[in-house]
Amino acid sequence: MTSQNHTVITFRSYPFQAGQKIYIADGPRHGDWEVIEVTDRKVSFRCPISHREFTWDRFCYFMEEANNSPWPHSD
């Protein structure tokens, strides 16, 4: 199969670190959070207002858009 060039959007798990102050711009978890613990599968946050803590499956991704990128990628 021959690759052709396309605009491709790449998603990567965000490398959270304990102590980070973050803002989630949209979705059901939007708002300000402090990262309190990170594992391979879970991330724990603390709300700076209520101080409630939540542990969720990792769900945030960093997005990159590249023009003139081959797709599908050859393995």
N, C-alpha and C. Protein backbone atom coordinates (compact mmCIF):
# COMPACT_ATOMS: atom_id res chain seq x y z
N MET A 1 0.85 -1.17 0.00
CA MET A 1 0.00 0.00 0.00
C MET A 1 0.89 1.24 0.00
N THR A 2 0.61 2.18 -0.87
CA THR A 2 1.38 3.41 -0.97
C THR A 2 0.72 4.50 -0.15
N SER A 3 1.54 5.18 0.67
CA SER A 3 1.01 6.28 1.47
C SER A 3 0.85 7.51 0.62
N GLN A 4 -0.17 8.28 0.94
CA GLN A 4 -0.38 9.59 0.34
C GLN A 4 -0.30 10.61 1.45
N ASN A 5 -0.09 11.87 1.12
CA ASN A 5 0.00 12.90 2.13
C ASN A 5 -1.36 13.52 2.40
N HIS A 6 -1.70 13.67 3.68
CA HIS A 6 -2.96 14.21 4.13
C HIS A 6 -2.71 15.07 5.36
N THR A 7 -3.70 15.84 5.77
CA THR A 7 -3.65 16.51 7.06
C THR A 7 -4.07 15.47 8.11
N VAL A 8 -3.20 15.21 9.09
CA VAL A 8 -3.42 14.16 10.07
C VAL A 8 -3.38 14.77 11.46
N ILE A 9 -4.33 14.42 12.30
CA ILE A 9 -4.38 14.88 13.69
C ILE A 9 -3.92 13.74 14.57
N THR A 10 -2.91 13.99 15.40
CA THR A 10 -2.32 12.98 16.28
C THR A 10 -2.69 13.28 17.73
N PHE A 11 -3.16 12.26 18.45
CA PHE A 11 -3.51 12.39 19.87
C PHE A 11 -2.52 11.59 20.69
N ARG A 12 -2.05 12.18 21.77
CA ARG A 12 -1.16 11.50 22.72
C ARG A 12 -1.70 11.73 24.12
N SER A 13 -1.57 10.73 25.00
CA SER A 13 -1.95 10.92 26.40
C SER A 13 -1.11 12.04 26.97
N TYR A 14 -1.75 12.94 27.72
CA TYR A 14 -1.01 14.04 28.30
C TYR A 14 -0.18 13.54 29.48
N PRO A 15 1.10 13.89 29.56
CA PRO A 15 1.96 13.39 30.65
C PRO A 15 1.78 14.19 31.94
N PHE A 16 0.66 14.00 32.61
CA PHE A 16 0.40 14.70 33.86
C PHE A 16 1.51 14.45 34.88
N GLN A 17 1.73 15.44 35.76
CA GLN A 17 2.65 15.31 36.88
C GLN A 17 1.96 15.86 38.12
N ALA A 18 2.13 15.17 39.24
CA ALA A 18 1.55 15.63 40.49
C ALA A 18 2.01 17.06 40.78
N GLY A 19 1.08 17.88 41.23
CA GLY A 19 1.38 19.28 41.55
C GLY A 19 0.99 20.26 40.47
N GLN A 20 0.72 19.76 39.26
CA GLN A 20 0.33 20.67 38.17
C GLN A 20 -1.02 21.31 38.45
N LYS A 21 -1.15 22.56 38.09
CA LYS A 21 -2.42 23.27 38.12
C LYS A 21 -2.90 23.30 36.66
N ILE A 22 -4.10 22.78 36.43
CA ILE A 22 -4.60 22.71 35.05
C ILE A 22 -5.98 23.33 34.95
N TYR A 23 -6.37 23.64 33.72
CA TYR A 23 -7.72 24.11 33.41
C TYR A 23 -8.22 23.27 32.26
N ILE A 24 -9.35 22.58 32.46
CA ILE A 24 -9.98 21.81 31.40
C ILE A 24 -11.03 22.72 30.77
N ALA A 25 -10.87 23.01 29.49
CA ALA A 25 -11.66 24.04 28.83
C ALA A 25 -13.10 23.63 28.53
N ASP A 26 -13.37 22.33 28.35
CA ASP A 26 -14.74 21.94 28.01
C ASP A 26 -15.02 20.53 28.51
N GLY A 27 -16.25 20.11 28.34
CA GLY A 27 -16.65 18.77 28.74
C GLY A 27 -17.17 18.74 30.17
N PRO A 28 -17.58 17.56 30.61
CA PRO A 28 -18.20 17.44 31.94
C PRO A 28 -17.24 17.72 33.10
N ARG A 29 -15.95 17.68 32.87
CA ARG A 29 -14.97 17.92 33.93
C ARG A 29 -14.29 19.28 33.80
N HIS A 30 -14.92 20.19 33.06
CA HIS A 30 -14.29 21.50 32.82
C HIS A 30 -14.06 22.24 34.14
N GLY A 31 -13.04 23.07 34.12
CA GLY A 31 -12.73 23.88 35.29
C GLY A 31 -11.29 23.73 35.72
N ASP A 32 -10.99 24.31 36.88
CA ASP A 32 -9.65 24.30 37.44
C ASP A 32 -9.45 23.06 38.32
N TRP A 33 -8.26 22.47 38.22
CA TRP A 33 -7.92 21.29 38.98
C TRP A 33 -6.45 21.31 39.36
N GLU A 34 -6.13 20.64 40.45
CA GLU A 34 -4.74 20.36 40.80
C GLU A 34 -4.53 18.86 40.65
N VAL A 35 -3.47 18.47 39.96
CA VAL A 35 -3.14 17.06 39.79
C VAL A 35 -2.49 16.60 41.09
N ILE A 36 -3.06 15.55 41.70
CA ILE A 36 -2.50 15.09 42.98
C ILE A 36 -1.83 13.72 42.89
N GLU A 37 -2.21 12.90 41.91
CA GLU A 37 -1.56 11.60 41.74
C GLU A 37 -1.77 11.11 40.32
N VAL A 38 -0.75 10.44 39.78
CA VAL A 38 -0.82 9.92 38.42
C VAL A 38 -0.30 8.49 38.40
N THR A 39 -1.06 7.58 37.78
CA THR A 39 -0.59 6.22 37.54
C THR A 39 -0.67 5.97 36.03
N ASP A 40 -0.32 4.77 35.61
CA ASP A 40 -0.39 4.44 34.18
C ASP A 40 -1.82 4.53 33.65
N ARG A 41 -2.81 4.26 34.49
CA ARG A 41 -4.20 4.22 34.04
C ARG A 41 -5.11 5.29 34.64
N LYS A 42 -4.72 5.85 35.77
CA LYS A 42 -5.60 6.79 36.48
C LYS A 42 -4.89 8.10 36.75
N VAL A 43 -5.71 9.14 36.95
CA VAL A 43 -5.19 10.44 37.38
C VAL A 43 -6.16 10.98 38.43
N SER A 44 -5.60 11.52 39.50
CA SER A 44 -6.41 12.06 40.59
C SER A 44 -6.27 13.58 40.63
N PHE A 45 -7.41 14.25 40.81
CA PHE A 45 -7.47 15.70 40.82
C PHE A 45 -8.12 16.20 42.10
N ARG A 46 -7.76 17.42 42.48
CA ARG A 46 -8.41 18.10 43.61
C ARG A 46 -8.98 19.41 43.10
N CYS A 47 -10.23 19.68 43.44
CA CYS A 47 -10.86 20.95 43.10
C CYS A 47 -10.32 22.02 44.06
N PRO A 48 -9.82 23.16 43.56
CA PRO A 48 -9.27 24.18 44.44
C PRO A 48 -10.34 24.94 45.23
N ILE A 49 -11.60 24.81 44.86
CA ILE A 49 -12.69 25.51 45.56
C ILE A 49 -13.28 24.63 46.66
N SER A 50 -13.75 23.44 46.28
CA SER A 50 -14.41 22.54 47.23
C SER A 50 -13.42 21.61 47.94
N HIS A 51 -12.22 21.46 47.39
CA HIS A 51 -11.18 20.56 47.88
C HIS A 51 -11.59 19.09 47.76
N ARG A 52 -12.66 18.82 47.02
CA ARG A 52 -13.05 17.43 46.76
C ARG A 52 -12.03 16.81 45.81
N GLU A 53 -11.80 15.51 45.98
CA GLU A 53 -10.84 14.79 45.15
C GLU A 53 -11.55 13.73 44.32
N PHE A 54 -11.07 13.57 43.10
CA PHE A 54 -11.65 12.61 42.17
C PHE A 54 -10.52 11.84 41.49
N THR A 55 -10.75 10.56 41.26
CA THR A 55 -9.81 9.74 40.50
C THR A 55 -10.57 9.20 39.29
N TRP A 56 -10.02 9.47 38.12
CA TRP A 56 -10.65 9.06 36.87
C TRP A 56 -9.65 8.34 35.99
N ASP A 57 -10.17 7.54 35.05
CA ASP A 57 -9.31 7.01 34.00
C ASP A 57 -8.68 8.19 33.28
N ARG A 58 -7.46 8.01 32.81
CA ARG A 58 -6.80 9.09 32.08
C ARG A 58 -7.64 9.43 30.85
N PHE A 59 -7.91 10.71 30.65
CA PHE A 59 -8.83 11.11 29.60
C PHE A 59 -8.37 12.31 28.81
N CYS A 60 -7.37 13.03 29.23
CA CYS A 60 -6.92 14.22 28.52
C CYS A 60 -5.86 13.85 27.51
N TYR A 61 -5.93 14.47 26.37
CA TYR A 61 -4.98 14.19 25.31
C TYR A 61 -4.45 15.49 24.74
N PHE A 62 -3.20 15.45 24.32
CA PHE A 62 -2.59 16.57 23.61
C PHE A 62 -2.81 16.31 22.14
N MET A 63 -3.21 17.33 21.42
CA MET A 63 -3.52 17.17 20.01
C MET A 63 -2.55 17.96 19.18
N GLU A 64 -2.12 17.36 18.09
CA GLU A 64 -1.23 18.01 17.14
C GLU A 64 -1.80 17.81 15.74
N GLU A 65 -1.77 18.85 14.95
CA GLU A 65 -2.22 18.75 13.57
C GLU A 65 -1.02 18.99 12.66
N ALA A 66 -0.82 18.10 11.71
CA ALA A 66 0.31 18.22 10.79
C ALA A 66 -0.19 18.20 9.36
N ASN A 67 0.22 19.16 8.59
CA ASN A 67 -0.12 19.21 7.17
C ASN A 67 0.88 18.38 6.38
N ASN A 68 0.44 17.84 5.27
CA ASN A 68 1.29 17.10 4.35
C ASN A 68 1.95 15.89 5.04
N SER A 69 1.18 15.20 5.84
CA SER A 69 1.67 14.04 6.59
C SER A 69 1.19 12.77 5.92
N PRO A 70 2.03 11.71 5.87
CA PRO A 70 1.59 10.47 5.24
C PRO A 70 0.49 9.80 6.07
N TRP A 71 -0.49 9.25 5.39
CA TRP A 71 -1.57 8.52 6.04
C TRP A 71 -2.15 7.53 5.07
N PRO A 72 -2.35 6.30 5.40
CA PRO A 72 -2.06 5.71 6.70
C PRO A 72 -0.55 5.60 6.93
N HIS A 73 -0.17 5.55 8.21
CA HIS A 73 1.25 5.40 8.55
C HIS A 73 1.70 3.99 8.26
N SER A 74 2.89 3.86 7.73
CA SER A 74 3.43 2.51 7.52
C SER A 74 4.04 2.03 8.81
N ASP A 75 3.83 0.77 9.14
CA ASP A 75 4.35 0.24 10.42
C ASP A 75 5.75 -0.24 10.30
